[in-house]
Amino acid sequence: MAIRILLSRKLGEIRWTQADLARRTGIRPSTINDMYHEMCERVNLEYLDRICTVLNCDITELLVYDPPQNREEVITTYRKLP
């Protein structure tokens, strides 16, 4: 996937657990876990806002775009989809 969630890195930097973040943001622990392990397909913007506020960080510290090695091949594949 081209968009990465760096929540695990950020929590490691400040030495917080997933449970700490869930308690302070009011976000369900299972949702935090999915984001932590980059297993979610969608991210709620309100949750990102809460996380950034509680962690006192910018969105760019949590999300990063990591483009594929061969962009042309990916673009061609997407164009072939119905």
C-alpha atoms as a PDB file:
ATOM      1  CA  MET A   1       0.000   0.000   0.000  1.00  0.00           C
ATOM      2  CA  ALA A   2       1.281   3.436  -0.853  1.00  0.00           C
ATOM      3  CA  ILE A   3      -0.006   5.262   2.246  1.00  0.00           C
ATOM      4  CA  ARG A   4       1.604   4.239   5.534  1.00  0.00           C
ATOM      5  CA  ILE A   5       0.383   4.885   9.064  1.00  0.00           C
ATOM      6  CA  LEU A   6       3.275   5.638  11.402  1.00  0.00           C
ATOM      7  CA  LEU A   7       1.336   5.400  14.651  1.00  0.00           C
ATOM      8  CA  SER A   8       3.536   2.640  16.063  1.00  0.00           C
ATOM      9  CA  ARG A   9       6.643   4.757  15.510  1.00  0.00           C
ATOM     10  CA  LYS A  10       5.050   7.834  17.082  1.00  0.00           C
ATOM     11  CA  LEU A  11       3.838   5.953  20.150  1.00  0.00           C
ATOM     12  CA  GLY A  12       7.280   4.373  20.526  1.00  0.00           C
ATOM     13  CA  GLU A  13       8.937   7.799  20.449  1.00  0.00           C
ATOM     14  CA  ILE A  14       6.821   9.071  23.336  1.00  0.00           C
ATOM     15  CA  ARG A  15       6.690   5.691  25.111  1.00  0.00           C
ATOM     16  CA  TRP A  16       2.910   5.361  25.131  1.00  0.00           C
ATOM     17  CA  THR A  17       0.987   2.134  24.735  1.00  0.00           C
ATOM     18  CA  GLN A  18      -1.983   1.626  22.470  1.00  0.00           C
ATOM     19  CA  ALA A  19      -4.118   1.517  25.634  1.00  0.00           C
ATOM     20  CA  ASP A  20      -2.786   4.932  26.720  1.00  0.00           C
ATOM     21  CA  LEU A  21      -3.805   6.413  23.375  1.00  0.00           C
ATOM     22  CA  ALA A  22      -7.224   4.737  23.414  1.00  0.00           C
ATOM     23  CA  ARG A  23      -7.968   6.102  26.907  1.00  0.00           C
ATOM     24  CA  ARG A  24      -6.869   9.640  26.061  1.00  0.00           C
ATOM     25  CA  THR A  25      -8.649   9.858  22.705  1.00  0.00           C
ATOM     26  CA  GLY A  26     -11.795   7.859  23.448  1.00  0.00           C
ATOM     27  CA  ILE A  27     -11.130   5.717  20.368  1.00  0.00           C
ATOM     28  CA  ARG A  28     -11.832   1.997  20.717  1.00  0.00           C
ATOM     29  CA  PRO A  29      -8.701  -0.060  21.447  1.00  0.00           C
ATOM     30  CA  SER A  30      -9.406  -2.339  18.466  1.00  0.00           C
ATOM     31  CA  THR A  31      -9.442   0.689  16.144  1.00  0.00           C
ATOM     32  CA  ILE A  32      -6.144   1.932  17.590  1.00  0.00           C
ATOM     33  CA  ASN A  33      -4.702  -1.572  17.157  1.00  0.00           C
ATOM     34  CA  ASP A  34      -5.743  -1.702  13.495  1.00  0.00           C
ATOM     35  CA  MET A  35      -4.114   1.672  12.851  1.00  0.00           C
ATOM     36  CA  TYR A  36      -1.009   0.699  14.863  1.00  0.00           C
ATOM     37  CA  HIS A  37      -0.497  -2.425  12.736  1.00  0.00           C
ATOM     38  CA  GLU A  38      -1.513  -0.670   9.481  1.00  0.00           C
ATOM     39  CA  MET A  39      -4.376  -3.122   8.962  1.00  0.00           C
ATOM     40  CA  CYS A  40      -7.156  -0.607   8.333  1.00  0.00           C
ATOM     41  CA  GLU A  41      -8.435   0.268   4.880  1.00  0.00           C
ATOM     42  CA  ARG A  42     -10.087   3.522   5.946  1.00  0.00           C
ATOM     43  CA  VAL A  43      -9.160   6.109   8.529  1.00  0.00           C
ATOM     44  CA  ASN A  44     -11.744   8.303  10.219  1.00  0.00           C
ATOM     45  CA  LEU A  45     -10.711  11.970   9.922  1.00  0.00           C
ATOM     46  CA  GLU A  46     -12.138  12.771  13.349  1.00  0.00           C
ATOM     47  CA  TYR A  47      -9.941  10.047  14.839  1.00  0.00           C
ATOM     48  CA  LEU A  48      -6.873  11.470  13.104  1.00  0.00           C
ATOM     49  CA  ASP A  49      -7.770  14.874  14.519  1.00  0.00           C
ATOM     50  CA  ARG A  50      -8.102  13.456  18.046  1.00  0.00           C
ATOM     51  CA  ILE A  51      -4.822  11.555  17.771  1.00  0.00           C
ATOM     52  CA  CYS A  52      -2.926  14.583  16.450  1.00  0.00           C
ATOM     53  CA  THR A  53      -4.375  16.748  19.228  1.00  0.00           C
ATOM     54  CA  VAL A  54      -3.529  14.305  22.028  1.00  0.00           C
ATOM     55  CA  LEU A  55      -0.055  13.548  20.653  1.00  0.00           C
ATOM     56  CA  ASN A  56       0.545  17.214  19.831  1.00  0.00           C
ATOM     57  CA  CYS A  57       1.763  16.315  16.364  1.00  0.00           C
ATOM     58  CA  ASP A  58       1.120  17.130  12.726  1.00  0.00           C
ATOM     59  CA  ILE A  59      -0.697  14.746  10.378  1.00  0.00           C
ATOM     60  CA  THR A  60       2.547  14.316   8.428  1.00  0.00           C
ATOM     61  CA  GLU A  61       4.014  12.590  11.487  1.00  0.00           C
ATOM     62  CA  LEU A  62       1.284   9.930  11.285  1.00  0.00           C
ATOM     63  CA  LEU A  63       0.658   9.461   7.557  1.00  0.00           C
ATOM     64  CA  VAL A  64       3.196   9.227   4.774  1.00  0.00           C
ATOM     65  CA  TYR A  65       2.843   8.555   1.054  1.00  0.00           C
ATOM     66  CA  ASP A  66       5.266   5.878  -0.125  1.00  0.00           C
ATOM     67  CA  PRO A  67       4.869   5.685  -3.914  1.00  0.00           C
ATOM     68  CA  PRO A  68       5.214   2.303  -5.653  1.00  0.00           C
ATOM     69  CA  GLN A  69       8.491   1.516  -7.404  1.00  0.00           C
ATOM     70  CA  ASN A  70       6.895   1.247 -10.828  1.00  0.00           C
ATOM     71  CA  ARG A  71       4.207   3.952 -10.990  1.00  0.00           C
ATOM     72  CA  GLU A  72       3.503   3.469 -14.699  1.00  0.00           C
ATOM     73  CA  GLU A  73       2.633  -0.198 -14.200  1.00  0.00           C
ATOM     74  CA  VAL A  74       0.255   0.682 -11.354  1.00  0.00           C
ATOM     75  CA  ILE A  75      -1.415   3.433 -13.407  1.00  0.00           C
ATOM     76  CA  THR A  76      -1.865   1.060 -16.344  1.00  0.00           C
ATOM     77  CA  THR A  77      -3.395  -1.575 -14.042  1.00  0.00           C
ATOM     78  CA  TYR A  78      -5.864   0.951 -12.569  1.00  0.00           C
ATOM     79  CA  ARG A  79      -6.941   2.092 -16.031  1.00  0.00           C
ATOM     80  CA  LYS A  80      -7.800  -1.490 -17.003  1.00  0.00           C
ATOM     81  CA  LEU A  81     -10.212  -1.901 -14.090  1.00  0.00           C
ATOM     82  CA  PRO A  82     -13.920  -1.742 -15.029  1.00  0.00           C
END
